[in-house]
Amino acid sequence: MIPFGRPHNLRAIAEMLDLARATGVKLQFSHLIFAGARTWPTMDRALRMFDVAIADGVDVQFDIFPNSFGATLLNTLLPAAVKAKPSGDRIVASRSPWGLSAGGSATQAPAALARATAASG
């Protein structure tokens, strides 16, 4: 079942193309990717959407994610305290190699990072 009746990636592409049509701005899609079983079948429809937009005079380009497999992101190398997501003015982390307790103040993070950097170097 597809919520809202249309795959999310096609909805997003259509919205951006409609904005470019309405405003005349140049449009660049960066890292157009079809990842996962839900989006693989949408590739041909998405490419047709670009073809139609270009034929309609929309100045649109895209580049693709060049791999047929996953990629390792920088966040896989970062400690938990750096990856922690702020919740208000608090850092929410389950553990920290730099002595930040769960729920520690967000203002502690720069000092903790400096201590950890100094200790490792």
PDB file of N, CA and C in Angstrom:
ATOM      1  N   MET A   1       0.837  -1.194   0.000  1.00  0.00           N
ATOM      2  CA  MET A   1       0.000   0.000   0.000  1.00  0.00           C
ATOM      3  C   MET A   1       0.874   1.246   0.000  1.00  0.00           C
ATOM      4  N   ILE A   2       0.548   2.190  -0.823  1.00  0.00           N
ATOM      5  CA  ILE A   2       1.281   3.446  -0.900  1.00  0.00           C
ATOM      6  C   ILE A   2       0.425   4.545  -0.279  1.00  0.00           C
ATOM      7  N   PRO A   3       0.908   5.142   0.830  1.00  0.00           N
ATOM      8  CA  PRO A   3       0.134   6.235   1.432  1.00  0.00           C
ATOM      9  C   PRO A   3       0.000   7.398   0.451  1.00  0.00           C
ATOM     10  N   PHE A   4      -1.091   8.078   0.495  1.00  0.00           N
ATOM     11  CA  PHE A   4      -1.361   9.254  -0.323  1.00  0.00           C
ATOM     12  C   PHE A   4      -1.455   8.936  -1.811  1.00  0.00           C
ATOM     13  N   GLY A   5      -1.531   7.650  -2.183  1.00  0.00           N
ATOM     14  CA  GLY A   5      -1.805   7.259  -3.544  1.00  0.00           C
ATOM     15  C   GLY A   5      -0.679   7.343  -4.552  1.00  0.00           C
ATOM     16  N   ARG A   6       0.475   7.824  -4.174  1.00  0.00           N
ATOM     17  CA  ARG A   6       1.586   7.966  -5.122  1.00  0.00           C
ATOM     18  C   ARG A   6       2.897   7.829  -4.356  1.00  0.00           C
ATOM     19  N   PRO A   7       3.885   7.166  -4.928  1.00  0.00           N
ATOM     20  CA  PRO A   7       5.168   7.028  -4.232  1.00  0.00           C
ATOM     21  C   PRO A   7       5.747   8.395  -3.835  1.00  0.00           C
ATOM     22  N   HIS A   8       6.354   8.435  -2.657  1.00  0.00           N
ATOM     23  CA  HIS A   8       6.849   9.703  -2.112  1.00  0.00           C
ATOM     24  C   HIS A   8       7.872  10.376  -3.021  1.00  0.00           C
ATOM     25  N   ASN A   9       8.738   9.598  -3.655  1.00  0.00           N
ATOM     26  CA  ASN A   9       9.753  10.228  -4.499  1.00  0.00           C
ATOM     27  C   ASN A   9       9.125  10.879  -5.728  1.00  0.00           C
ATOM     28  N   LEU A  10       8.096  10.262  -6.302  1.00  0.00           N
ATOM     29  CA  LEU A  10       7.418  10.863  -7.453  1.00  0.00           C
ATOM     30  C   LEU A  10       6.643  12.109  -7.044  1.00  0.00           C
ATOM     31  N   ARG A  11       6.076  12.088  -5.856  1.00  0.00           N
ATOM     32  CA  ARG A  11       5.375  13.276  -5.348  1.00  0.00           C
ATOM     33  C   ARG A  11       6.358  14.428  -5.184  1.00  0.00           C
ATOM     34  N   ALA A  12       7.548  14.136  -4.652  1.00  0.00           N
ATOM     35  CA  ALA A  12       8.551  15.183  -4.437  1.00  0.00           C
ATOM     36  C   ALA A  12       9.056  15.745  -5.766  1.00  0.00           C
ATOM     37  N   ILE A  13       9.341  14.863  -6.707  1.00  0.00           N
ATOM     38  CA  ILE A  13       9.816  15.314  -8.020  1.00  0.00           C
ATOM     39  C   ILE A  13       8.750  16.176  -8.691  1.00  0.00           C
ATOM     40  N   ALA A  14       7.511  15.728  -8.660  1.00  0.00           N
ATOM     41  CA  ALA A  14       6.413  16.493  -9.273  1.00  0.00           C
ATOM     42  C   ALA A  14       6.280  17.872  -8.633  1.00  0.00           C
ATOM     43  N   GLU A  15       6.394  17.931  -7.322  1.00  0.00           N
ATOM     44  CA  GLU A  15       6.265  19.217  -6.629  1.00  0.00           C
ATOM     45  C   GLU A  15       7.369  20.187  -7.061  1.00  0.00           C
ATOM     46  N   MET A  16       8.582  19.702  -7.130  1.00  0.00           N
ATOM     47  CA  MET A  16       9.688  20.570  -7.520  1.00  0.00           C
ATOM     48  C   MET A  16       9.572  21.000  -8.987  1.00  0.00           C
ATOM     49  N   LEU A  17       9.185  20.072  -9.845  1.00  0.00           N
ATOM     50  CA  LEU A  17       9.000  20.429 -11.259  1.00  0.00           C
ATOM     51  C   LEU A  17       7.877  21.447 -11.430  1.00  0.00           C
ATOM     52  N   ASP A  18       6.798  21.277 -10.672  1.00  0.00           N
ATOM     53  CA  ASP A  18       5.691  22.246 -10.733  1.00  0.00           C
ATOM     54  C   ASP A  18       6.150  23.631 -10.289  1.00  0.00           C
ATOM     55  N   LEU A  19       6.975  23.695  -9.242  1.00  0.00           N
ATOM     56  CA  LEU A  19       7.501  24.985  -8.785  1.00  0.00           C
ATOM     57  C   LEU A  19       8.387  25.625  -9.847  1.00  0.00           C
ATOM     58  N   ALA A  20       9.213  24.816 -10.489  1.00  0.00           N
ATOM     59  CA  ALA A  20      10.081  25.348 -11.549  1.00  0.00           C
ATOM     60  C   ALA A  20       9.251  25.851 -12.723  1.00  0.00           C
ATOM     61  N   ARG A  21       8.203  25.124 -13.073  1.00  0.00           N
ATOM     62  CA  ARG A  21       7.311  25.567 -14.164  1.00  0.00           C
ATOM     63  C   ARG A  21       6.659  26.901 -13.811  1.00  0.00           C
ATOM     64  N   ALA A  22       6.178  26.999 -12.589  1.00  0.00           N
ATOM     65  CA  ALA A  22       5.432  28.187 -12.166  1.00  0.00           C
ATOM     66  C   ALA A  22       6.321  29.416 -12.003  1.00  0.00           C
ATOM     67  N   THR A  23       7.572  29.220 -11.633  1.00  0.00           N
ATOM     68  CA  THR A  23       8.444  30.356 -11.336  1.00  0.00           C
ATOM     69  C   THR A  23       9.478  30.634 -12.408  1.00  0.00           C
ATOM     70  N   GLY A  24       9.772  29.651 -13.242  1.00  0.00           N
ATOM     71  CA  GLY A  24      10.793  29.821 -14.262  1.00  0.00           C
ATOM     72  C   GLY A  24      12.218  29.663 -13.749  1.00  0.00           C
ATOM     73  N   VAL A  25      12.386  29.227 -12.507  1.00  0.00           N
ATOM     74  CA  VAL A  25      13.744  29.058 -11.975  1.00  0.00           C
ATOM     75  C   VAL A  25      14.395  27.816 -12.570  1.00  0.00           C
ATOM     76  N   LYS A  26      15.724  27.820 -12.602  1.00  0.00           N
ATOM     77  CA  LYS A  26      16.467  26.637 -13.001  1.00  0.00           C
ATOM     78  C   LYS A  26      16.414  25.655 -11.844  1.00  0.00           C
ATOM     79  N   LEU A  27      16.378  24.381 -12.163  1.00  0.00           N
ATOM     80  CA  LEU A  27      16.220  23.364 -11.129  1.00  0.00           C
ATOM     81  C   LEU A  27      17.289  22.292 -11.282  1.00  0.00           C
ATOM     82  N   GLN A  28      17.927  21.945 -10.188  1.00  0.00           N
ATOM     83  CA  GLN A  28      18.936  20.886 -10.169  1.00  0.00           C
ATOM     84  C   GLN A  28      18.562  19.892  -9.073  1.00  0.00           C
ATOM     85  N   PHE A  29      18.373  18.649  -9.463  1.00  0.00           N
ATOM     86  CA  PHE A  29      18.176  17.569  -8.498  1.00  0.00           C
ATOM     87  C   PHE A  29      19.545  16.935  -8.272  1.00  0.00           C
ATOM     88  N   SER A  30      19.978  16.914  -7.055  1.00  0.00           N
ATOM     89  CA  SER A  30      21.282  16.335  -6.759  1.00  0.00           C
ATOM     90  C   SER A  30      21.101  14.958  -6.150  1.00  0.00           C
ATOM     91  N   HIS A  31      21.845  14.008  -6.663  1.00  0.00           N
ATOM     92  CA  HIS A  31      21.845  12.621  -6.191  1.00  0.00           C
ATOM     93  C   HIS A  31      20.471  11.979  -6.324  1.00  0.00           C
ATOM     94  N   LEU A  32      19.922  12.039  -7.504  1.00  0.00           N
ATOM     95  CA  LEU A  32      18.680  11.321  -7.772  1.00  0.00           C
ATOM     96  C   LEU A  32      18.963   9.844  -7.547  1.00  0.00           C
ATOM     97  N   ILE A  33      18.252   9.241  -6.632  1.00  0.00           N
ATOM     98  CA  ILE A  33      18.553   7.856  -6.255  1.00  0.00           C
ATOM     99  C   ILE A  33      17.251   7.071  -6.120  1.00  0.00           C
ATOM    100  N   PHE A  34      17.328   5.835  -6.503  1.00  0.00           N
ATOM    101  CA  PHE A  34      16.206   4.913  -6.375  1.00  0.00           C
ATOM    102  C   PHE A  34      16.703   3.762  -5.505  1.00  0.00           C
ATOM    103  N   ALA A  35      16.527   3.906  -4.225  1.00  0.00           N
ATOM    104  CA  ALA A  35      17.056   2.922  -3.274  1.00  0.00           C
ATOM    105  C   ALA A  35      15.907   2.168  -2.621  1.00  0.00           C
ATOM    106  N   GLY A  36      15.959   0.884  -2.694  1.00  0.00           N
ATOM    107  CA  GLY A  36      14.953   0.066  -2.030  1.00  0.00           C
ATOM    108  C   GLY A  36      13.843  -0.381  -2.956  1.00  0.00           C
ATOM    109  N   ALA A  37      13.217  -1.448  -2.551  1.00  0.00           N
ATOM    110  CA  ALA A  37      12.191  -2.094  -3.372  1.00  0.00           C
ATOM    111  C   ALA A  37      11.017  -1.174  -3.701  1.00  0.00           C
ATOM    112  N   ARG A  38      10.731  -0.208  -2.835  1.00  0.00           N
ATOM    113  CA  ARG A  38       9.597   0.684  -3.106  1.00  0.00           C
ATOM    114  C   ARG A  38       9.886   1.686  -4.210  1.00  0.00           C
ATOM    115  N   THR A  39      11.129   2.119  -4.347  1.00  0.00           N
ATOM    116  CA  THR A  39      11.413   3.146  -5.345  1.00  0.00           C
ATOM    117  C   THR A  39      11.972   2.603  -6.652  1.00  0.00           C
ATOM    118  N   TRP A  40      12.537   1.415  -6.646  1.00  0.00           N
ATOM    119  CA  TRP A  40      13.074   0.862  -7.895  1.00  0.00           C
ATOM    120  C   TRP A  40      12.057   0.895  -9.033  1.00  0.00           C
ATOM    121  N   PRO A  41      10.808   0.478  -8.786  1.00  0.00           N
ATOM    122  CA  PRO A  41       9.838   0.467  -9.897  1.00  0.00           C
ATOM    123  C   PRO A  41       9.431   1.859 -10.384  1.00  0.00           C
ATOM    124  N   THR A  42       9.833   2.908  -9.672  1.00  0.00           N
ATOM    125  CA  THR A  42       9.422   4.259 -10.058  1.00  0.00           C
ATOM    126  C   THR A  42      10.432   4.953 -10.971  1.00  0.00           C
ATOM    127  N   MET A  43      11.557   4.320 -11.232  1.00  0.00           N
ATOM    128  CA  MET A  43      12.618   4.977 -11.987  1.00  0.00           C
ATOM    129  C   MET A  43      12.140   5.431 -13.371  1.00  0.00           C
ATOM    130  N   ASP A  44      11.503   4.558 -14.131  1.00  0.00           N
ATOM    131  CA  ASP A  44      11.057   4.932 -15.474  1.00  0.00           C
ATOM    132  C   ASP A  44      10.059   6.084 -15.437  1.00  0.00           C
ATOM    133  N   ARG A  45       9.129   6.045 -14.488  1.00  0.00           N
ATOM    134  CA  ARG A  45       8.149   7.140 -14.380  1.00  0.00           C
ATOM    135  C   ARG A  45       8.840   8.447 -14.023  1.00  0.00           C
ATOM    136  N   ALA A  46       9.816   8.389 -13.126  1.00  0.00           N
ATOM    137  CA  ALA A  46      10.535   9.604 -12.731  1.00  0.00           C
ATOM    138  C   ALA A  46      11.288  10.192 -13.914  1.00  0.00           C
ATOM    139  N   LEU A  47      11.968   9.349 -14.660  1.00  0.00           N
ATOM    140  CA  LEU A  47      12.712   9.844 -15.817  1.00  0.00           C
ATOM    141  C   LEU A  47      11.783  10.437 -16.871  1.00  0.00           C
ATOM    142  N   ARG A  48      10.604   9.834 -17.042  1.00  0.00           N
ATOM    143  CA  ARG A  48       9.623  10.405 -17.976  1.00  0.00           C
ATOM    144  C   ARG A  48       9.165  11.787 -17.503  1.00  0.00           C
ATOM    145  N   MET A  49       9.032  11.955 -16.195  1.00  0.00           N
ATOM    146  CA  MET A  49       8.640  13.264 -15.655  1.00  0.00           C
ATOM    147  C   MET A  49       9.668  14.327 -16.040  1.00  0.00           C
ATOM    148  N   PHE A  50      10.939  13.971 -15.967  1.00  0.00           N
ATOM    149  CA  PHE A  50      11.989  14.912 -16.373  1.00  0.00           C
ATOM    150  C   PHE A  50      11.914  15.179 -17.867  1.00  0.00           C
ATOM    151  N   ASP A  51      11.718  14.143 -18.668  1.00  0.00           N
ATOM    152  CA  ASP A  51      11.608  14.320 -20.120  1.00  0.00           C
ATOM    153  C   ASP A  51      10.472  15.268 -20.478  1.00  0.00           C
ATOM    154  N   VAL A  52       9.327  15.089 -19.855  1.00  0.00           N
ATOM    155  CA  VAL A  52       8.166  15.950 -20.125  1.00  0.00           C
ATOM    156  C   VAL A  52       8.467  17.383 -19.711  1.00  0.00           C
ATOM    157  N   ALA A  53       9.070  17.556 -18.541  1.00  0.00           N
ATOM    158  CA  ALA A  53       9.385  18.905 -18.063  1.00  0.00           C
ATOM    159  C   ALA A  53      10.345  19.604 -19.012  1.00  0.00           C
ATOM    160  N   ILE A  54      11.362  18.899 -19.470  1.00  0.00           N
ATOM    161  CA  ILE A  54      12.328  19.485 -20.402  1.00  0.00           C
ATOM    162  C   ILE A  54      11.634  19.847 -21.710  1.00  0.00           C
ATOM    163  N   ALA A  55      10.765  18.964 -22.197  1.00  0.00           N
ATOM    164  CA  ALA A  55      10.013  19.251 -23.425  1.00  0.00           C
ATOM    165  C   ALA A  55       9.102  20.463 -23.249  1.00  0.00           C
ATOM    166  N   ASP A  56       8.636  20.682 -22.009  1.00  0.00           N
ATOM    167  CA  ASP A  56       7.790  21.839 -21.705  1.00  0.00           C
ATOM    168  C   ASP A  56       8.593  23.120 -21.509  1.00  0.00           C
ATOM    169  N   GLY A  57       9.922  23.022 -21.586  1.00  0.00           N
ATOM    170  CA  GLY A  57      10.758  24.214 -21.446  1.00  0.00           C
ATOM    171  C   GLY A  57      11.317  24.450 -20.059  1.00  0.00           C
ATOM    172  N   VAL A  58      11.109  23.519 -19.152  1.00  0.00           N
ATOM    173  CA  VAL A  58      11.671  23.671 -17.804  1.00  0.00           C
ATOM    174  C   VAL A  58      13.172  23.410 -17.877  1.00  0.00           C
ATOM    175  N   ASP A  59      13.955  24.311 -17.281  1.00  0.00           N
ATOM    176  CA  ASP A  59      15.415  24.157 -17.249  1.00  0.00           C
ATOM    177  C   ASP A  59      15.754  23.301 -16.026  1.00  0.00           C
ATOM    178  N   VAL A  60      15.800  21.996 -16.247  1.00  0.00           N
ATOM    179  CA  VAL A  60      16.030  21.065 -15.144  1.00  0.00           C
ATOM    180  C   VAL A  60      17.130  20.088 -15.520  1.00  0.00           C
ATOM    181  N   GLN A  61      17.954  19.791 -14.532  1.00  0.00           N
ATOM    182  CA  GLN A  61      18.999  18.797 -14.690  1.00  0.00           C
ATOM    183  C   GLN A  61      19.040  17.950 -13.425  1.00  0.00           C
ATOM    184  N   PHE A  62      19.689  16.806 -13.519  1.00  0.00           N
ATOM    185  CA  PHE A  62      19.882  15.991 -12.328  1.00  0.00           C
ATOM    186  C   PHE A  62      21.170  15.215 -12.466  1.00  0.00           C
ATOM    187  N   ASP A  63      21.696  14.834 -11.333  1.00  0.00           N
ATOM    188  CA  ASP A  63      22.810  13.897 -11.323  1.00  0.00           C
ATOM    189  C   ASP A  63      22.348  12.690 -10.524  1.00  0.00           C
ATOM    190  N   ILE A  64      23.050  11.617 -10.670  1.00  0.00           N
ATOM    191  CA  ILE A  64      22.623  10.387 -10.012  1.00  0.00           C
ATOM    192  C   ILE A  64      23.633   9.968  -8.963  1.00  0.00           C
ATOM    193  N   PHE A  65      23.170   9.193  -8.031  1.00  0.00           N
ATOM    194  CA  PHE A  65      24.044   8.563  -7.063  1.00  0.00           C
ATOM    195  C   PHE A  65      24.769   7.470  -7.833  1.00  0.00           C
ATOM    196  N   PRO A  66      26.094   7.516  -7.921  1.00  0.00           N
ATOM    197  CA  PRO A  66      26.811   6.686  -8.878  1.00  0.00           C
ATOM    198  C   PRO A  66      26.998   5.218  -8.506  1.00  0.00           C
ATOM    199  N   ASN A  67      26.547   4.815  -7.357  1.00  0.00           N
ATOM    200  CA  ASN A  67      26.802   3.436  -6.935  1.00  0.00           C
ATOM    201  C   ASN A  67      25.543   2.586  -7.007  1.00  0.00           C
ATOM    202  N   SER A  68      25.724   1.320  -7.285  1.00  0.00           N
ATOM    203  CA  SER A  68      24.579   0.398  -7.279  1.00  0.00           C
ATOM    204  C   SER A  68      24.481  -0.315  -5.926  1.00  0.00           C
ATOM    205  N   PHE A  69      25.146   0.224  -4.951  1.00  0.00           N
ATOM    206  CA  PHE A  69      25.159  -0.346  -3.607  1.00  0.00           C
ATOM    207  C   PHE A  69      25.212   0.800  -2.613  1.00  0.00           C
ATOM    208  N   GLY A  70      25.180   0.495  -1.336  1.00  0.00           N
ATOM    209  CA  GLY A  70      25.177   1.515  -0.297  1.00  0.00           C
ATOM    210  C   GLY A  70      26.510   2.207  -0.147  1.00  0.00           C
ATOM    211  N   ALA A  71      26.535   3.197   0.699  1.00  0.00           N
ATOM    212  CA  ALA A  71      27.748   3.953   0.959  1.00  0.00           C
ATOM    213  C   ALA A  71      27.891   4.149   2.464  1.00  0.00           C
ATOM    214  N   THR A  72      29.109   4.239   2.921  1.00  0.00           N
ATOM    215  CA  THR A  72      29.366   4.521   4.323  1.00  0.00           C
ATOM    216  C   THR A  72      29.387   6.025   4.512  1.00  0.00           C
ATOM    217  N   LEU A  73      28.619   6.499   5.460  1.00  0.00           N
ATOM    218  CA  LEU A  73      28.534   7.927   5.722  1.00  0.00           C
ATOM    219  C   LEU A  73      29.462   8.301   6.872  1.00  0.00           C
ATOM    220  N   LEU A  74      29.833   9.557   6.936  1.00  0.00           N
ATOM    221  CA  LEU A  74      30.716  10.051   7.979  1.00  0.00           C
ATOM    222  C   LEU A  74      30.191   9.716   9.371  1.00  0.00           C
ATOM    223  N   ASN A  75      28.876   9.749   9.557  1.00  0.00           N
ATOM    224  CA  ASN A  75      28.334   9.531  10.898  1.00  0.00           C
ATOM    225  C   ASN A  75      28.641   8.149  11.456  1.00  0.00           C
ATOM    226  N   THR A  76      29.066   7.210  10.628  1.00  0.00           N
ATOM    227  CA  THR A  76      29.434   5.897  11.156  1.00  0.00           C
ATOM    228  C   THR A  76      30.741   5.959  11.930  1.00  0.00           C
ATOM    229  N   LEU A  77      31.533   6.985  11.712  1.00  0.00           N
ATOM    230  CA  LEU A  77      32.819   7.129  12.394  1.00  0.00           C
ATOM    231  C   LEU A  77      32.751   8.021  13.623  1.00  0.00           C
ATOM    232  N   LEU A  78      31.679   8.772  13.779  1.00  0.00           N
ATOM    233  CA  LEU A  78      31.586   9.744  14.857  1.00  0.00           C
ATOM    234  C   LEU A  78      31.088   9.108  16.153  1.00  0.00           C
ATOM    235  N   PRO A  79      31.611   9.573  17.288  1.00  0.00           N
ATOM    236  CA  PRO A  79      31.135   9.062  18.575  1.00  0.00           C
ATOM    237  C   PRO A  79      29.709   9.518  18.864  1.00  0.00           C
ATOM    238  N   ALA A  80      29.069   8.844  19.782  1.00  0.00           N
ATOM    239  CA  ALA A  80      27.656   9.096  20.094  1.00  0.00           C
ATOM    240  C   ALA A  80      27.381  10.540  20.484  1.00  0.00           C
ATOM    241  N   ALA A  81      28.287  11.178  21.215  1.00  0.00           N
ATOM    242  CA  ALA A  81      28.032  12.552  21.666  1.00  0.00           C
ATOM    243  C   ALA A  81      27.965  13.525  20.501  1.00  0.00           C
ATOM    244  N   VAL A  82      28.713  13.271  19.448  1.00  0.00           N
ATOM    245  CA  VAL A  82      28.682  14.139  18.277  1.00  0.00           C
ATOM    246  C   VAL A  82      27.415  13.890  17.475  1.00  0.00           C
ATOM    247  N   LYS A  83      26.970  12.634  17.447  1.00  0.00           N
ATOM    248  CA  LYS A  83      25.775  12.290  16.681  1.00  0.00           C
ATOM    249  C   LYS A  83      24.496  12.572  17.442  1.00  0.00           C
ATOM    250  N   ALA A  84      24.600  12.899  18.724  1.00  0.00           N
ATOM    251  CA  ALA A  84      23.406  13.118  19.541  1.00  0.00           C
ATOM    252  C   ALA A  84      22.548  14.221  18.946  1.00  0.00           C
ATOM    253  N   LYS A  85      21.257  14.037  19.042  1.00  0.00           N
ATOM    254  CA  LYS A  85      20.333  15.027  18.513  1.00  0.00           C
ATOM    255  C   LYS A  85      19.864  15.929  19.647  1.00  0.00           C
ATOM    256  N   PRO A  86      19.906  17.247  19.441  1.00  0.00           N
ATOM    257  CA  PRO A  86      19.449  18.152  20.488  1.00  0.00           C
ATOM    258  C   PRO A  86      17.950  18.027  20.706  1.00  0.00           C
ATOM    259  N   SER A  87      17.564  18.136  21.928  1.00  0.00           N
ATOM    260  CA  SER A  87      16.153  18.187  22.295  1.00  0.00           C
ATOM    261  C   SER A  87      15.992  19.443  23.126  1.00  0.00           C
ATOM    262  N   GLY A  88      15.564  20.530  22.490  1.00  0.00           N
ATOM    263  CA  GLY A  88      15.567  21.822  23.164  1.00  0.00           C
ATOM    264  C   GLY A  88      17.007  22.263  23.326  1.00  0.00           C
ATOM    265  N   ASP A  89      17.419  22.569  24.547  1.00  0.00           N
ATOM    266  CA  ASP A  89      18.811  22.952  24.774  1.00  0.00           C
ATOM    267  C   ASP A  89      19.597  21.811  25.405  1.00  0.00           C
ATOM    268  N   ARG A  90      19.091  20.594  25.302  1.00  0.00           N
ATOM    269  CA  ARG A  90      19.726  19.437  25.920  1.00  0.00           C
ATOM    270  C   ARG A  90      20.224  18.473  24.848  1.00  0.00           C
ATOM    271  N   ILE A  91      21.318  17.796  25.124  1.00  0.00           N
ATOM    272  CA  ILE A  91      21.793  16.753  24.231  1.00  0.00           C
ATOM    273  C   ILE A  91      21.208  15.441  24.702  1.00  0.00           C
ATOM    274  N   VAL A  92      20.614  14.711  23.798  1.00  0.00           N
ATOM    275  CA  VAL A  92      20.036  13.419  24.127  1.00  0.00           C
ATOM    276  C   VAL A  92      20.983  12.352  23.599  1.00  0.00           C
ATOM    277  N   ALA A  93      21.673  11.692  24.514  1.00  0.00           N
ATOM    278  CA  ALA A  93      22.606  10.636  24.137  1.00  0.00           C
ATOM    279  C   ALA A  93      22.601   9.579  25.224  1.00  0.00           C
ATOM    280  N   SER A  94      22.723   8.342  24.828  1.00  0.00           N
ATOM    281  CA  SER A  94      22.695   7.274  25.811  1.00  0.00           C
ATOM    282  C   SER A  94      24.042   7.108  26.506  1.00  0.00           C
ATOM    283  N   ARG A  95      25.111   7.443  25.794  1.00  0.00           N
ATOM    284  CA  ARG A  95      26.443   7.348  26.382  1.00  0.00           C
ATOM    285  C   ARG A  95      27.363   8.307  25.648  1.00  0.00           C
ATOM    286  N   SER A  96      28.468   8.629  26.280  1.00  0.00           N
ATOM    287  CA  SER A  96      29.389   9.550  25.648  1.00  0.00           C
ATOM    288  C   SER A  96      30.816   9.213  26.040  1.00  0.00           C
ATOM    289  N   PRO A  97      31.702   9.123  25.082  1.00  0.00           N
ATOM    290  CA  PRO A  97      33.098   8.855  25.401  1.00  0.00           C
ATOM    291  C   PRO A  97      33.792  10.066  26.016  1.00  0.00           C
ATOM    292  N   TRP A  98      33.128  11.227  26.009  1.00  0.00           N
ATOM    293  CA  TRP A  98      33.765  12.452  26.479  1.00  0.00           C
ATOM    294  C   TRP A  98      33.234  12.912  27.822  1.00  0.00           C
ATOM    295  N   GLY A  99      32.525  12.082  28.519  1.00  0.00           N
ATOM    296  CA  GLY A  99      32.059  12.450  29.851  1.00  0.00           C
ATOM    297  C   GLY A  99      30.762  13.222  29.882  1.00  0.00           C
ATOM    298  N   LEU A 100      30.059  13.325  28.783  1.00  0.00           N
ATOM    299  CA  LEU A 100      28.742  13.949  28.808  1.00  0.00           C
ATOM    300  C   LEU A 100      27.738  12.911  29.268  1.00  0.00           C
ATOM    301  N   SER A 101      26.950  13.258  30.226  1.00  0.00           N
ATOM    302  CA  SER A 101      25.918  12.323  30.649  1.00  0.00           C
ATOM    303  C   SER A 101      24.716  12.480  29.749  1.00  0.00           C
ATOM    304  N   ALA A 102      23.866  11.476  29.729  1.00  0.00           N
ATOM    305  CA  ALA A 102      22.637  11.570  28.937  1.00  0.00           C
ATOM    306  C   ALA A 102      21.869  12.776  29.424  1.00  0.00           C
ATOM    307  N   GLY A 103      21.444  13.607  28.505  1.00  0.00           N
ATOM    308  CA  GLY A 103      20.693  14.803  28.871  1.00  0.00           C
ATOM    309  C   GLY A 103      21.581  15.944  29.324  1.00  0.00           C
ATOM    310  N   GLY A 104      22.890  15.876  29.100  1.00  0.00           N
ATOM    311  CA  GLY A 104      23.794  16.962  29.487  1.00  0.00           C
ATOM    312  C   GLY A 104      23.510  18.221  28.686  1.00  0.00           C
ATOM    313  N   SER A 105      24.002  19.321  29.156  1.00  0.00           N
ATOM    314  CA  SER A 105      23.757  20.593  28.482  1.00  0.00           C
ATOM    315  C   SER A 105      24.433  20.633  27.124  1.00  0.00           C
ATOM    316  N   ALA A 106      23.749  21.179  26.146  1.00  0.00           N
ATOM    317  CA  ALA A 106      24.310  21.285  24.799  1.00  0.00           C
ATOM    318  C   ALA A 106      25.546  22.169  24.788  1.00  0.00           C
ATOM    319  N   THR A 107      25.659  23.068  25.763  1.00  0.00           N
ATOM    320  CA  THR A 107      26.828  23.941  25.814  1.00  0.00           C
ATOM    321  C   THR A 107      28.063  23.190  26.282  1.00  0.00           C
ATOM    322  N   GLN A 108      27.907  21.987  26.840  1.00  0.00           N
ATOM    323  CA  GLN A 108      29.055  21.188  27.264  1.00  0.00           C
ATOM    324  C   GLN A 108      29.756  20.529  26.079  1.00  0.00           C
ATOM    325  N   ALA A 109      29.055  20.327  24.987  1.00  0.00           N
ATOM    326  CA  ALA A 109      29.598  19.548  23.875  1.00  0.00           C
ATOM    327  C   ALA A 109      30.888  20.119  23.301  1.00  0.00           C
ATOM    328  N   PRO A 110      30.991  21.437  23.015  1.00  0.00           N
ATOM    329  CA  PRO A 110      32.246  21.942  22.454  1.00  0.00           C
ATOM    330  C   PRO A 110      33.438  21.732  23.388  1.00  0.00           C
ATOM    331  N   ALA A 111      33.234  21.946  24.678  1.00  0.00           N
ATOM    332  CA  ALA A 111      34.325  21.754  25.632  1.00  0.00           C
ATOM    333  C   ALA A 111      34.707  20.285  25.719  1.00  0.00           C
ATOM    334  N   ALA A 112      33.704  19.408  25.693  1.00  0.00           N
ATOM    335  CA  ALA A 112      33.991  17.976  25.756  1.00  0.00           C
ATOM    336  C   ALA A 112      34.745  17.528  24.515  1.00  0.00           C
ATOM    337  N   LEU A 113      34.380  18.063  23.356  1.00  0.00           N
ATOM    338  CA  LEU A 113      35.068  17.723  22.118  1.00  0.00           C
ATOM    339  C   LEU A 113      36.517  18.198  22.174  1.00  0.00           C
ATOM    340  N   ALA A 114      36.734  19.393  22.697  1.00  0.00           N
ATOM    341  CA  ALA A 114      38.093  19.921  22.817  1.00  0.00           C
ATOM    342  C   ALA A 114      38.924  19.056  23.754  1.00  0.00           C
ATOM    343  N   ARG A 115      38.337  18.621  24.884  1.00  0.00           N
ATOM    344  CA  ARG A 115      39.057  17.733  25.821  1.00  0.00           C
ATOM    345  C   ARG A 115      39.418  16.425  25.150  1.00  0.00           C
ATOM    346  N   ALA A 116      38.481  15.843  24.406  1.00  0.00           N
ATOM    347  CA  ALA A 116      38.725  14.562  23.757  1.00  0.00           C
ATOM    348  C   ALA A 116      39.797  14.691  22.681  1.00  0.00           C
ATOM    349  N   THR A 117      39.760  15.793  21.949  1.00  0.00           N
ATOM    350  CA  THR A 117      40.755  16.030  20.904  1.00  0.00           C
ATOM    351  C   THR A 117      42.139  16.201  21.513  1.00  0.00           C
ATOM    352  N   ALA A 118      42.228  16.955  22.601  1.00  0.00           N
ATOM    353  CA  ALA A 118      43.509  17.172  23.272  1.00  0.00           C
ATOM    354  C   ALA A 118      44.055  15.880  23.849  1.00  0.00           C
ATOM    355  N   ALA A 119      43.169  15.051  24.406  1.00  0.00           N
ATOM    356  CA  ALA A 119      43.588  13.781  25.008  1.00  0.00           C
ATOM    357  C   ALA A 119      44.083  12.787  23.957  1.00  0.00           C
ATOM    358  N   SER A 120      43.527  12.856  22.762  1.00  0.00           N
ATOM    359  CA  SER A 120      43.912  11.890  21.726  1.00  0.00           C
ATOM    360  C   SER A 120      45.159  12.320  20.965  1.00  0.00           C
ATOM    361  N   GLY A 121      45.533  13.593  21.075  1.00  0.00           N
ATOM    362  CA  GLY A 121      46.623  14.088  20.258  1.00  0.00           C
ATOM    363  C   GLY A 121      47.842  14.253  21.034  1.00  0.00           C
TER     364      GLY A 121
END
